[in-house]
Protein backbone atom coordinates (compact mmCIF):
# COMPACT_ATOMS: atom_id res chain seq x y z
CA VAL A 1 13.86 -6.28 6.99
CA ALA A 2 11.08 -6.94 9.52
CA LEU A 3 10.96 -6.97 13.33
CA SER A 4 8.76 -9.01 15.63
CA ALA A 5 6.43 -6.97 17.82
CA ASP A 6 8.64 -7.41 20.91
CA GLY A 7 11.87 -6.74 19.03
CA ALA A 8 13.28 -10.16 19.94
CA PHE A 9 13.51 -11.46 16.36
CA GLY A 10 14.27 -10.00 12.96
CA ALA A 11 13.88 -11.38 9.46
CA PHE A 12 15.34 -10.35 6.14
CA ALA A 13 15.46 -11.48 2.52
CA VAL A 14 18.60 -13.21 1.21
CA ASN A 15 19.38 -12.78 -2.49
CA PRO A 16 21.55 -15.21 -4.47
CA GLU A 17 25.28 -14.54 -4.62
CA PRO A 18 26.26 -12.56 -7.76
CA GLU A 19 27.90 -15.53 -9.48
CA GLU A 20 24.88 -17.73 -8.77
CA ALA A 21 22.55 -15.00 -10.04
CA ARG A 22 24.55 -14.68 -13.28
CA ARG A 23 24.50 -18.45 -13.77
CA ARG A 24 20.71 -18.58 -13.32
CA ARG A 25 20.22 -15.74 -15.80
CA ARG A 26 22.34 -17.55 -18.39
CA GLU A 27 20.21 -20.65 -17.89
CA HIS A 28 16.99 -18.61 -17.91
CA ALA A 29 16.22 -20.03 -14.48
CA PRO A 30 14.18 -18.08 -11.90
CA LEU A 31 16.12 -16.02 -9.34
CA SER A 32 14.67 -17.44 -6.14
CA ALA A 33 15.51 -15.50 -3.01
CA GLY A 34 15.69 -16.94 0.46
CA ALA A 35 15.08 -15.56 3.94
CA ALA A 36 16.71 -15.65 7.35
CA VAL A 37 15.24 -15.36 10.84
CA VAL A 38 17.58 -14.00 13.53
CA ASN A 39 17.33 -14.11 17.32
CA LEU A 40 18.51 -10.58 18.11
CA ALA A 41 19.58 -11.50 21.64
CA THR A 42 21.78 -14.47 20.74
CA GLY A 43 22.54 -13.80 17.08
CA GLU A 44 21.35 -17.30 16.15
CA LYS A 45 20.25 -17.36 12.49
CA THR A 46 17.97 -19.82 10.70
CA ALA A 47 18.10 -19.68 6.89
CA TYR A 48 15.44 -20.79 4.41
CA ASP A 49 15.71 -21.30 0.64
CA ASN A 50 13.15 -20.29 -1.96
CA ILE A 51 11.08 -17.88 0.14
CA LYS A 52 9.00 -15.28 -1.72
CA SER A 53 7.51 -13.51 1.31
CA PHE A 54 7.46 -13.58 5.10
CA SER A 55 5.49 -11.86 7.82
CA PHE A 56 5.34 -11.42 11.59
CA PRO A 57 1.90 -10.79 13.13
CA ALA A 58 1.58 -7.08 13.95
CA GLU A 59 0.94 -7.57 17.68
CA ASN A 60 1.79 -11.22 18.38
CA PRO A 61 5.54 -11.90 18.77
CA ALA A 62 5.07 -15.69 18.88
CA TRP A 63 5.11 -16.59 15.17
CA ILE A 64 6.52 -15.90 11.74
CA ALA A 65 5.07 -17.18 8.47
CA LEU A 66 7.37 -17.86 5.50
CA HIS A 67 5.83 -18.50 2.09
CA LYS A 68 7.86 -20.69 -0.24
CA THR A 69 8.20 -20.17 -3.98
CA ALA A 70 6.29 -22.70 -6.06
CA PRO A 71 8.46 -25.45 -7.63
CA GLU A 72 9.74 -24.65 -11.13
CA GLY A 73 7.86 -27.53 -12.74
CA GLN A 74 4.57 -26.36 -11.29
CA ALA A 75 4.77 -23.06 -13.17
CA LYS A 76 5.01 -24.93 -16.51
CA GLU A 77 1.88 -27.00 -16.01
CA LYS A 78 -1.05 -26.10 -18.28
CA ASP A 79 -3.58 -25.91 -15.47
CA LYS A 80 -1.09 -24.61 -12.97
CA ALA A 81 -2.00 -23.96 -9.37
CA THR A 82 -0.53 -20.96 -7.58
CA GLY A 83 -0.38 -22.56 -4.13
CA SER A 84 2.87 -23.49 -2.40
CA ASP A 85 4.06 -24.45 1.09
CA LEU A 86 3.64 -22.02 3.97
CA ILE A 87 5.99 -22.52 6.93
CA LEU A 88 4.71 -21.45 10.35
CA ARG A 89 7.61 -21.13 12.80
CA GLU A 90 7.01 -20.75 16.52
CA LEU A 91 9.76 -18.32 17.50
CA ALA A 92 10.22 -19.34 21.13
CA THR A 93 10.67 -23.06 20.42
CA GLY A 94 11.74 -23.19 16.78
CA ARG A 95 9.02 -25.73 16.02
CA GLU A 96 7.60 -25.57 12.51
CA LEU A 97 4.35 -26.48 10.79
CA VAL A 98 4.01 -26.67 7.01
CA LEU A 99 0.67 -25.97 5.31
CA GLY A 100 0.45 -26.93 1.63
CA ASN A 101 -1.09 -25.32 -1.47
CA VAL A 102 -1.34 -21.85 0.09
CA SER A 103 -1.63 -19.06 -2.49
CA GLU A 104 -2.10 -16.16 -0.05
CA PHE A 105 -1.97 -15.68 3.71
CA ALA A 106 -2.54 -12.88 6.20
CA PHE A 107 -2.50 -12.59 9.99
CA ASP A 108 -5.07 -10.40 11.67
CA LYS A 109 -3.59 -7.44 13.54
CA LYS A 110 -3.51 -9.20 16.91
CA GLY A 111 -1.99 -12.34 15.41
CA ALA A 112 -4.76 -14.46 16.91
CA ARG A 113 -5.95 -15.78 13.54
CA LEU A 114 -4.32 -16.62 10.22
CA ALA A 115 -6.39 -16.51 7.04
CA LEU A 116 -5.31 -18.73 4.15
CA LEU A 117 -6.32 -19.05 0.52
CA VAL A 118 -5.76 -22.51 -0.98
CA ASP A 119 -5.13 -23.01 -4.70
CA ALA A 120 -4.37 -26.66 -5.48
CA PHE A 121 -3.92 -28.56 -8.74
CA GLY A 122 -7.31 -29.21 -10.32
CA GLN A 123 -8.87 -26.87 -7.73
CA ALA A 124 -9.13 -29.82 -5.34
CA GLY A 125 -9.66 -28.39 -1.87
CA ASN A 126 -9.62 -24.75 -2.95
CA GLY A 127 -11.10 -22.36 -0.45
CA LEU A 128 -10.73 -19.80 2.32
CA LEU A 129 -9.43 -21.23 5.60
CA LEU A 130 -8.96 -19.74 9.05
CA ARG A 131 -6.45 -21.00 11.63
CA ASP A 132 -6.75 -20.18 15.32
CA MET A 133 -3.13 -19.59 16.32
CA ALA A 134 -3.72 -20.48 19.99
CA SER A 135 -5.58 -23.75 19.54
CA GLY A 136 -4.28 -24.71 16.09
CA VAL A 137 -7.83 -25.41 14.86
CA LEU A 138 -8.17 -24.95 11.09
CA ALA A 139 -11.68 -24.05 9.93
CA VAL A 140 -13.03 -23.86 6.37
CA LEU A 141 -14.95 -20.62 5.79
CA ASP A 142 -15.68 -21.28 2.10
CA SER A 143 -14.64 -23.87 -0.47
CA GLY A 144 -15.40 -24.95 -4.01
CA LYS A 145 -14.16 -25.46 -7.55
CA ALA A 146 -13.13 -21.83 -7.85
CA ALA A 147 -10.14 -19.52 -7.69
CA TYR A 148 -9.81 -17.54 -4.45
CA GLN A 149 -7.77 -14.32 -4.61
CA ARG A 150 -7.01 -10.95 -2.99
CA LEU A 151 -7.26 -11.66 0.74
CA SER A 152 -7.61 -8.73 3.14
CA TRP A 153 -8.32 -8.18 6.85
CA THR A 154 -9.84 -5.08 8.35
CA GLU A 155 -7.41 -3.02 10.41
CA ASN A 156 -8.55 -4.44 13.75
CA GLY A 157 -9.14 -7.97 12.49
CA GLU A 158 -12.89 -8.05 13.02
CA ALA A 159 -13.64 -8.99 9.39
CA LEU A 160 -11.97 -10.21 6.20
CA ALA A 161 -12.73 -10.28 2.49
CA CYS A 162 -11.58 -11.96 -0.71
CA LEU A 163 -12.63 -12.67 -4.31
CA LYS A 164 -14.04 -15.96 -5.59
CA GLY A 165 -13.75 -16.61 -9.33
CA ARG A 166 -15.18 -19.25 -11.62
CA GLU A 167 -14.55 -20.10 -15.26
CA ASP A 168 -17.07 -19.07 -17.91
CA LYS A 169 -17.14 -20.46 -21.45
CA ASP A 170 -17.85 -17.02 -22.94
CA PHE A 171 -14.99 -15.15 -21.29
CA GLU A 172 -11.22 -15.48 -21.14
CA ASP A 173 -11.26 -13.92 -17.66
CA LYS A 174 -12.81 -15.58 -14.64
CA LEU A 175 -16.06 -14.08 -13.36
CA PHE A 176 -15.68 -13.05 -9.74
CA SER A 177 -17.90 -12.52 -6.75
CA VAL A 178 -16.97 -10.90 -3.43
CA LEU A 179 -16.89 -12.80 -0.14
CA GLY A 180 -16.90 -11.05 3.22
CA PHE A 181 -16.81 -12.58 6.69
CA THR A 182 -17.50 -10.98 10.05
CA PHE A 183 -16.91 -12.68 13.39
CA PRO A 184 -19.75 -12.01 15.86
CA ALA A 185 -20.05 -13.98 19.10
CA GLY A 186 -22.08 -16.73 17.45
CA GLY A 187 -19.34 -17.58 14.93
CA PRO A 188 -18.29 -16.46 11.46
CA ARG A 189 -20.98 -14.84 9.34
CA LYS A 190 -20.74 -14.90 5.57
CA HIS A 191 -21.69 -12.01 3.27
CA ALA A 192 -21.49 -12.55 -0.49
CA TYR A 193 -22.12 -10.36 -3.51
CA ASP A 194 -22.39 -11.84 -7.00
CA PRO A 195 -23.12 -9.31 -9.77
CA GLN A 196 -24.94 -11.96 -11.82
CA ASP A 197 -27.69 -11.92 -9.19
CA ASP A 198 -28.09 -8.12 -9.29
CA LYS A 199 -30.10 -6.54 -12.11
CA SER A 200 -28.84 -3.06 -11.14
CA PHE A 201 -25.22 -4.02 -11.87
CA PRO A 202 -23.84 -2.28 -15.03
CA ALA A 203 -24.26 -4.38 -18.16
CA GLY A 204 -21.06 -5.64 -19.75
CA LEU A 205 -19.01 -5.31 -16.57
CA THR A 206 -18.01 -7.67 -13.78
CA ILE A 207 -15.90 -7.63 -10.62
CA SER A 208 -12.22 -7.04 -11.33
CA PRO A 209 -9.51 -9.38 -9.96
CA ASN A 210 -7.01 -6.49 -10.08
CA ARG A 211 -8.27 -4.64 -6.99
CA THR A 212 -8.26 -6.11 -3.48
CA PRO A 213 -11.73 -5.98 -1.89
CA ARG A 214 -12.09 -4.63 1.61
CA TRP A 215 -14.65 -3.78 4.26
CA THR A 216 -15.46 -0.18 5.14
CA GLU A 217 -14.46 0.83 8.65
CA HIS A 218 -17.97 0.41 10.08
CA LEU A 219 -18.47 -2.93 8.28
CA ASP A 220 -21.50 -1.55 6.46
CA ALA A 221 -20.17 -2.10 2.93
CA LEU A 222 -17.67 -4.05 0.84
CA LEU A 223 -15.49 -2.04 -1.56
CA PHE A 224 -14.17 -3.58 -4.79
CA GLY A 225 -13.38 -2.77 -8.43
CA ILE A 226 -15.37 -3.52 -11.58
CA HIS A 227 -14.18 -3.79 -15.18
CA ALA A 228 -15.12 -5.14 -18.60
CA PRO A 229 -14.09 -8.82 -18.88
CA LYS A 230 -12.35 -10.02 -22.00
CA LYS A 231 -14.61 -12.13 -24.15
CA LYS A 232 -13.42 -15.20 -26.01
CA SER A 233 -13.09 -14.59 -29.74
CA ALA A 234 -13.54 -17.11 -32.51
CA ALA A 235 -10.05 -18.43 -33.26
CA ALA A 236 -8.80 -18.19 -36.83
CA GLY A 237 -7.60 -21.75 -36.54
CA SER A 238 -7.17 -24.56 -34.09
CA GLY A 239 -5.19 -27.66 -33.56
CA PRO A 240 -1.43 -28.32 -33.54
CA ASP A 241 -0.74 -26.28 -36.68
CA ALA A 242 -2.42 -23.18 -35.28
CA ALA A 243 -0.62 -23.60 -31.97
CA ALA A 244 2.72 -23.96 -33.77
CA LYS A 245 1.99 -20.88 -35.89
CA SER A 246 1.16 -18.77 -32.83
CA ALA A 247 4.46 -19.80 -31.29
CA GLU A 248 6.50 -18.63 -34.27
CA GLU A 249 8.80 -15.64 -33.95
CA PRO A 250 7.35 -12.42 -35.42
CA ASP A 251 8.28 -11.58 -39.00
CA GLU A 252 11.35 -9.33 -38.92
CA ASN A 253 10.25 -7.69 -42.15
CA ILE A 254 7.17 -6.20 -40.52
CA PRO A 255 8.05 -2.60 -39.57
CA ASP A 256 7.83 -1.61 -35.92
CA LEU A 257 6.03 1.76 -35.90
CA VAL A 258 5.20 4.08 -33.03
CA LEU A 259 2.15 6.16 -33.90
CA TRP A 260 0.93 9.13 -31.91
CA HIS A 261 -1.98 11.40 -32.72
CA PHE A 262 -1.75 15.07 -31.79
CA GLN A 263 -5.05 14.80 -29.90
CA ASP A 264 -3.85 11.93 -27.71
CA ALA A 265 -3.97 13.13 -24.11
CA ARG A 266 -0.80 11.18 -23.29
CA LEU A 267 2.45 10.93 -25.19
CA GLN A 268 3.24 7.52 -26.67
CA SER A 269 6.14 7.07 -24.24
CA GLN A 270 3.79 7.66 -21.30
CA GLN A 271 1.20 5.30 -22.76
CA ARG A 272 3.86 2.57 -22.90
CA VAL A 273 4.90 3.14 -19.29
CA GLU A 274 1.29 3.11 -18.09
CA ALA A 275 0.12 0.25 -20.31
CA GLU A 276 0.02 -2.27 -17.46
CA THR A 277 -1.82 0.17 -15.20
CA ASP A 278 -4.37 0.80 -17.95
CA LYS A 279 -4.78 -2.93 -18.49
CA ASN A 280 -5.51 -3.54 -14.80
CA PHE A 281 -7.71 -0.49 -14.26
CA SER A 282 -11.03 -0.93 -12.44
CA TYR A 283 -13.83 1.36 -11.26
CA LEU A 284 -14.30 1.58 -7.49
CA SER A 285 -17.71 0.32 -6.38
CA ALA A 286 -19.47 -0.67 -3.16
CA TYR A 287 -21.95 -3.27 -1.97
CA ARG A 288 -23.90 -2.01 1.04
CA VAL A 289 -24.66 -5.08 3.11
CA LYS A 290 -27.68 -3.99 5.16
CA GLU A 291 -29.45 -2.37 2.21
CA ASN A 292 -28.39 -5.16 -0.19
CA LYS A 293 -27.51 -2.39 -2.63
CA PHE A 294 -24.81 -1.88 -5.26
CA ILE A 295 -23.34 1.63 -5.65
CA ARG A 296 -20.96 2.60 -8.44
CA LEU A 297 -18.56 5.23 -7.08
CA ALA A 298 -16.34 5.65 -10.17
CA ASP A 299 -17.25 5.77 -13.85
CA GLU A 300 -15.96 7.20 -17.13
CA ASP A 301 -16.69 10.77 -15.98
CA LEU A 302 -14.82 10.27 -12.69
CA ARG A 303 -12.37 7.40 -13.01
CA ASP A 304 -10.09 8.05 -10.03
CA VAL A 305 -12.02 7.74 -6.74
CA ARG A 306 -10.27 7.18 -3.42
CA PRO A 307 -12.01 6.73 -0.06
CA ALA A 308 -11.04 9.09 2.75
CA PRO A 309 -10.38 7.67 6.24
CA LYS A 310 -13.47 6.36 8.06
CA ASP A 311 -15.10 5.69 4.64
CA ARG A 312 -17.75 8.39 4.99
CA PHE A 313 -16.50 10.43 2.04
CA ALA A 314 -14.33 9.76 -1.01
CA LEU A 315 -12.35 12.11 -3.22
CA GLY A 316 -12.78 11.90 -6.99
CA ARG A 317 -10.36 13.37 -9.56
CA ASP A 318 -11.37 14.46 -13.07
CA ILE A 319 -8.33 15.29 -15.25
CA ARG A 320 -9.89 15.13 -18.71
CA GLU A 321 -9.97 18.88 -19.36
CA TYR A 322 -6.30 19.34 -18.43
CA GLU A 323 -4.64 16.04 -19.35
CA LEU A 324 -3.24 17.05 -22.76
CA ASP A 325 -1.83 20.37 -21.52
CA GLY A 326 -0.38 18.61 -18.49
CA THR A 327 1.36 16.10 -20.76
CA LEU A 328 2.96 18.92 -22.73
CA ASP A 329 4.00 21.36 -19.98
CA GLY A 330 4.21 19.11 -16.90
CA ARG A 331 1.61 21.00 -14.85
CA ARG A 332 -1.12 18.49 -14.10
CA TYR A 333 -4.42 19.93 -12.91
CA GLU A 334 -7.63 18.26 -11.80
CA ASP A 335 -11.19 19.02 -10.80
CA LEU A 336 -11.82 17.56 -7.36
CA PHE A 337 -15.17 16.14 -6.19
CA VAL A 338 -16.38 14.97 -2.77
CA ILE A 339 -18.45 11.77 -2.93
CA ASP A 340 -20.87 10.57 -0.25
CA MET A 341 -20.02 6.87 -0.07
CA ALA A 342 -23.43 5.90 1.33
CA SER A 343 -25.39 7.40 -1.57
CA GLY A 344 -22.82 8.00 -4.32
CA LYS A 345 -23.75 11.71 -4.52
CA ARG A 346 -21.00 13.91 -5.97
CA THR A 347 -20.28 17.49 -4.88
CA PRO A 348 -17.78 19.70 -6.79
CA ALA A 349 -15.04 20.83 -4.40
CA LEU A 350 -12.05 22.39 -6.20
CA ARG A 351 -11.68 23.57 -9.76
CA LYS A 352 -8.31 23.25 -11.53
CA ASN A 353 -6.51 22.02 -8.44
CA ARG A 354 -2.75 21.54 -8.96
CA TRP A 355 -1.43 19.78 -5.86
CA PRO A 356 -2.48 16.56 -4.06
CA ALA A 357 -5.25 16.74 -1.46
CA LEU A 358 -4.47 15.13 1.92
CA PRO A 359 -7.55 13.82 3.84
CA SER A 360 -7.69 14.18 7.63
CA PRO A 361 -7.65 11.10 9.89
CA ASP A 362 -11.31 11.67 10.85
CA GLY A 363 -12.25 11.71 7.16
CA THR A 364 -14.18 14.99 7.28
CA LYS A 365 -11.60 17.43 5.85
CA PHE A 366 -8.69 17.58 3.45
CA LEU A 367 -5.59 19.75 3.16
CA HIS A 368 -4.84 21.48 -0.14
CA TYR A 369 -2.41 24.09 -1.44
CA ALA A 370 -2.48 27.00 -3.89
CA GLY A 371 -0.28 30.06 -4.45
CA GLY A 372 1.96 29.62 -1.42
CA VAL A 373 -0.93 29.07 1.02
CA TYR A 374 -2.29 25.89 2.60
CA PHE A 375 -6.07 25.53 2.95
CA VAL A 376 -8.38 23.07 4.74
CA TYR A 377 -11.60 22.00 3.00
CA ASP A 378 -14.54 20.82 5.14
CA MET A 379 -16.23 18.03 3.17
CA ALA A 380 -19.51 18.12 5.12
CA ALA A 381 -19.87 21.92 4.89
CA ALA A 382 -18.40 22.12 1.34
CA SER A 383 -16.22 25.11 2.28
CA SER A 384 -12.50 25.92 2.33
CA ARG A 385 -10.44 28.27 4.51
CA PRO A 386 -6.73 29.30 4.55
CA ILE A 387 -4.67 28.20 7.57
CA THR A 388 -1.12 29.46 6.92
CA ARG A 389 -1.55 33.16 6.15
CA GLY A 390 -0.78 34.07 9.76
CA VAL A 391 2.16 31.67 10.11
CA PRO A 392 5.62 33.37 10.05
CA ALA A 393 7.05 30.86 7.57
CA ASP A 394 7.29 30.39 3.83
CA PHE A 395 5.97 27.05 2.56
CA VAL A 396 7.04 27.57 -1.06
CA ASN A 397 9.79 25.15 -2.12
CA GLU A 398 12.50 27.50 -3.43
CA ASP A 399 14.74 24.53 -4.31
CA ASP A 400 12.27 22.98 -6.78
CA ASP A 401 13.50 23.78 -10.31
CA HIS A 402 10.62 22.19 -12.22
CA ASN A 403 8.30 24.13 -14.51
CA GLU A 404 6.00 25.17 -11.66
CA ILE A 405 4.69 28.34 -10.05
CA ASP A 406 5.25 28.49 -6.27
CA PRO A 407 5.50 24.71 -5.67
CA PRO A 408 4.96 23.69 -2.03
CA ASP A 409 7.23 22.03 0.46
CA PRO A 410 5.43 18.67 0.94
CA PRO A 411 3.28 18.55 4.11
CA VAL A 412 4.38 16.30 6.99
CA GLY A 413 0.87 15.15 7.88
CA TRP A 414 -2.23 15.55 10.00
CA THR A 415 -2.26 15.19 13.76
CA LYS A 416 -4.16 12.21 15.11
CA ASP A 417 -7.05 14.33 16.39
CA SER A 418 -7.41 16.16 13.02
CA ARG A 419 -7.10 19.53 14.79
CA ALA A 420 -3.78 20.52 13.27
CA VAL A 421 -1.42 19.74 10.41
CA LEU A 422 2.36 19.52 10.51
CA LEU A 423 4.00 21.45 7.67
CA SER A 424 7.61 21.84 6.57
CA ASP A 425 9.16 25.06 5.31
CA GLY A 426 12.09 23.08 3.94
CA TRP A 427 14.00 23.38 7.21
CA ASP A 428 11.73 23.33 10.26
CA VAL A 429 8.47 21.54 11.02
CA TRP A 430 5.48 23.65 12.08
CA SER A 431 2.27 22.65 13.85
CA VAL A 432 -0.56 24.72 12.32
CA PRO A 433 -4.07 24.58 13.87
CA VAL A 434 -6.94 23.93 11.46
CA GLN A 435 -9.15 26.58 13.05
CA GLY A 436 -6.51 29.27 12.55
CA GLY A 437 -3.64 30.63 14.61
CA PRO A 438 0.03 31.58 14.41
CA GLY A 439 1.37 28.04 14.34
CA LEU A 440 4.18 26.58 16.44
CA ASN A 441 7.73 25.86 15.23
CA LEU A 442 8.40 22.39 16.69
CA THR A 443 12.04 22.04 15.64
CA GLY A 444 13.11 25.66 16.11
CA ASN A 445 16.70 25.69 14.85
CA GLY A 446 16.42 24.28 11.33
CA ARG A 447 16.61 27.42 9.22
CA LYS A 448 18.86 29.18 11.75
CA GLU A 449 21.52 26.44 11.83
CA GLY A 450 21.09 25.04 8.31
CA ILE A 451 19.54 21.72 9.43
CA ARG A 452 16.77 20.04 7.46
CA TYR A 453 14.27 18.02 9.53
CA ARG A 454 12.40 15.12 7.95
CA ARG A 455 9.96 13.18 10.11
CA GLN A 456 10.52 9.44 10.52
CA ARG A 457 7.26 7.49 10.35
CA LEU A 458 7.88 4.48 12.59
CA ASP A 459 4.39 2.95 12.43
CA SER A 460 3.37 1.91 8.91
CA GLU A 461 -0.28 1.81 10.04
CA GLU A 462 -0.24 5.28 11.55
CA LYS A 463 -3.51 7.14 10.99
CA GLY A 464 -2.27 10.50 12.23
CA ILE A 465 0.63 12.04 14.16
CA ASP A 466 0.25 11.64 17.92
CA LEU A 467 1.79 14.75 19.53
CA SER A 468 1.62 13.13 22.98
CA ARG A 469 4.31 10.62 21.90
CA PRO A 470 7.93 11.25 20.94
CA LEU A 471 8.42 12.55 17.39
CA TYR A 472 11.48 11.24 15.57
CA PHE A 473 13.17 13.15 12.77
CA GLY A 474 15.92 12.44 10.33
CA THR A 475 18.33 15.39 10.31
CA TYR A 476 20.69 16.63 7.62
CA GLY A 477 23.16 19.52 7.76
CA GLU A 478 22.90 21.47 4.51
CA TRP A 479 26.37 22.99 4.92
CA THR A 480 28.15 20.46 7.18
CA LYS A 481 26.72 17.37 5.37
CA LYS A 482 26.33 15.65 8.73
CA ALA A 483 23.27 13.48 9.32
CA GLY A 484 21.49 11.61 12.08
CA PHE A 485 18.29 11.45 14.10
CA SER A 486 16.60 13.75 16.61
CA VAL A 487 13.60 13.36 18.90
CA ILE A 488 11.06 15.80 20.31
CA GLU A 489 9.52 14.52 23.53
CA LYS A 490 6.34 15.84 25.12
CA GLY A 491 7.08 18.92 27.21
CA SER A 492 10.54 19.46 25.71
CA ALA A 493 11.55 22.88 24.39
CA GLY A 494 12.90 21.49 21.13
CA PRO A 495 14.61 18.54 19.46
CA ARG A 496 17.30 16.46 21.14
CA ALA A 497 20.00 14.99 18.90
CA LEU A 498 20.30 11.21 19.16
CA VAL A 499 22.86 10.68 16.41
CA TRP A 500 24.80 13.39 14.55
CA GLU A 501 27.75 12.15 12.53
CA ASP A 502 29.65 12.46 9.28
CA ALA A 503 27.62 9.60 7.86
CA SER A 504 24.42 8.82 6.01
CA PHE A 505 21.50 6.94 7.59
CA GLY A 506 18.60 5.03 6.08
CA PRO A 507 15.00 5.19 7.32
CA LEU A 508 14.42 4.35 10.96
CA LEU A 509 12.54 1.14 11.85
CA LYS A 510 11.01 0.34 15.25
CA ALA A 511 9.54 -2.74 16.90
CA ARG A 512 5.84 -2.24 17.62
CA GLN A 513 5.94 -3.17 21.33
CA ALA A 514 9.53 -2.41 22.34
CA ASP A 515 12.13 0.35 22.09
CA VAL A 516 14.21 -1.56 19.58
CA TYR A 517 15.32 0.33 16.48
CA LEU A 518 17.11 -0.47 13.25
CA ALA A 519 18.69 1.75 10.61
CA THR A 520 21.51 1.59 8.09
CA ARG A 521 24.63 3.71 8.48
CA GLU A 522 27.15 4.33 5.71
CA THR A 523 30.05 6.55 4.71
CA TYR A 524 32.21 6.73 1.62
CA ARG A 525 34.29 3.98 3.27
CA ASP A 526 31.70 2.01 5.26
CA PHE A 527 29.16 -0.33 3.68
CA PRO A 528 25.51 0.43 4.69
CA ASP A 529 25.17 -2.34 7.27
CA TRP A 530 22.19 -2.47 9.61
CA ARG A 531 22.78 -1.08 13.09
CA GLY A 532 20.59 -1.57 16.16
CA GLY A 533 19.74 0.59 19.17
CA ARG A 534 17.63 0.20 22.31
CA GLY A 535 16.04 2.45 24.90
CA GLY A 536 14.47 4.96 22.53
CA LEU A 537 17.83 5.49 20.81
CA LYS A 538 19.35 6.93 23.95
CA THR A 539 22.57 5.27 22.89
CA ARG A 540 24.19 5.77 19.52
CA ILE A 541 23.28 3.36 16.75
CA ARG A 542 26.01 0.73 16.53
């Protein structure tokens, strides 16, 4: 379910009826879902068949884009194209525009521009296009006999990036380069990085199509993944006979064995589950535009590297020393490193860390936990300090029955200004200052009255919790089994119950620019239908 920014329209996926789904499975036909767009004021509904995705612009309530599933015959073609029709519907008038051969699309945050990747049969007309949603002008930013993939906008829509791949006779995989575009006053400016033109790029590797490239926040670098491409091997045979042989069913007399060596860091069952992840793995890297410099941020010694907010630092995890023991006893440890993303320099931060580290919104600190205490690590100063030893609450999760020692109640999150963190003791939510202090119990009555508070994150793009705005919580009575929602408004002494019933509620959704809310409500008798509420949920969800 999605809401337009002004809360005037909603959209949801429509799955086939059960009988139709069973018939399609028997016929080995694809299960194509549809979509519906609803005017929430009038209830008028417009249905569409064969829709694989849809999207409202984040801040522009004028449009919705609906991407159709490619025709069945197209998927069977040898040189298949991935593009299909994209329907642009103007919500106020109902007028529609269809753009063909679109493989990917994305609005910028303001909904002023729509970026499109085109993938047509024979690569005719393939490229990266940009549509001005006000004027309707469609501009070509890049085109060629190539495959364009992995489109992404920056958060504020001031730049976008994608991959551009070409065939190579020596490799089964395409060889990719990275394209980035910024939009200064003089018009779009192109920035491209092709590893074949860079002698400092690691030999035997190329840019991976399995990670979406993106700009850093200050537009000083492009981030992407690199991997080893699969080379073409000399075929044992060719021609119709070889093709027929490869299509034969496997010999049933060949035994199916599962082999595991005692020194394998992962059990065979885990290797099977993670096989696809392993296949698509790539090492995070950066191309610094101004310096025209490639920097490898992840390698075999530090495979898991994740940028912190603001892209000044990144956190790297090394699990090699503890992986086998973690597989056997379930306690997974890691050595944590802080990486300067401008230089690639690595600084050891935590040794044998057990629990996830949570970076601050300003990207200079991270929250971590050990032995019942929460700490904050300053990445610039390379130092850590405890923040909960003076708080009159216990942040150990007594209800966790896993093979752990003092597991934590998961943190709620950082405040927007990075000066405090919100923590849960399993019942109440506390605001704990980073620089030390007693902490403040925001909800107050959770442990006393047996109510568990769980914060509702209404903005999927939230970078930190804004304490100047209302805080919404899902509430659950441990002994009464009642549930609902509560809100804490600025200046209030505690939470105010909005809904508190003998029912169960799903996550709360909110329109970006209006006090329009959606949630599901169900009981042992009532189906979990969607209910709507207005005015900051001052009225009960109906």
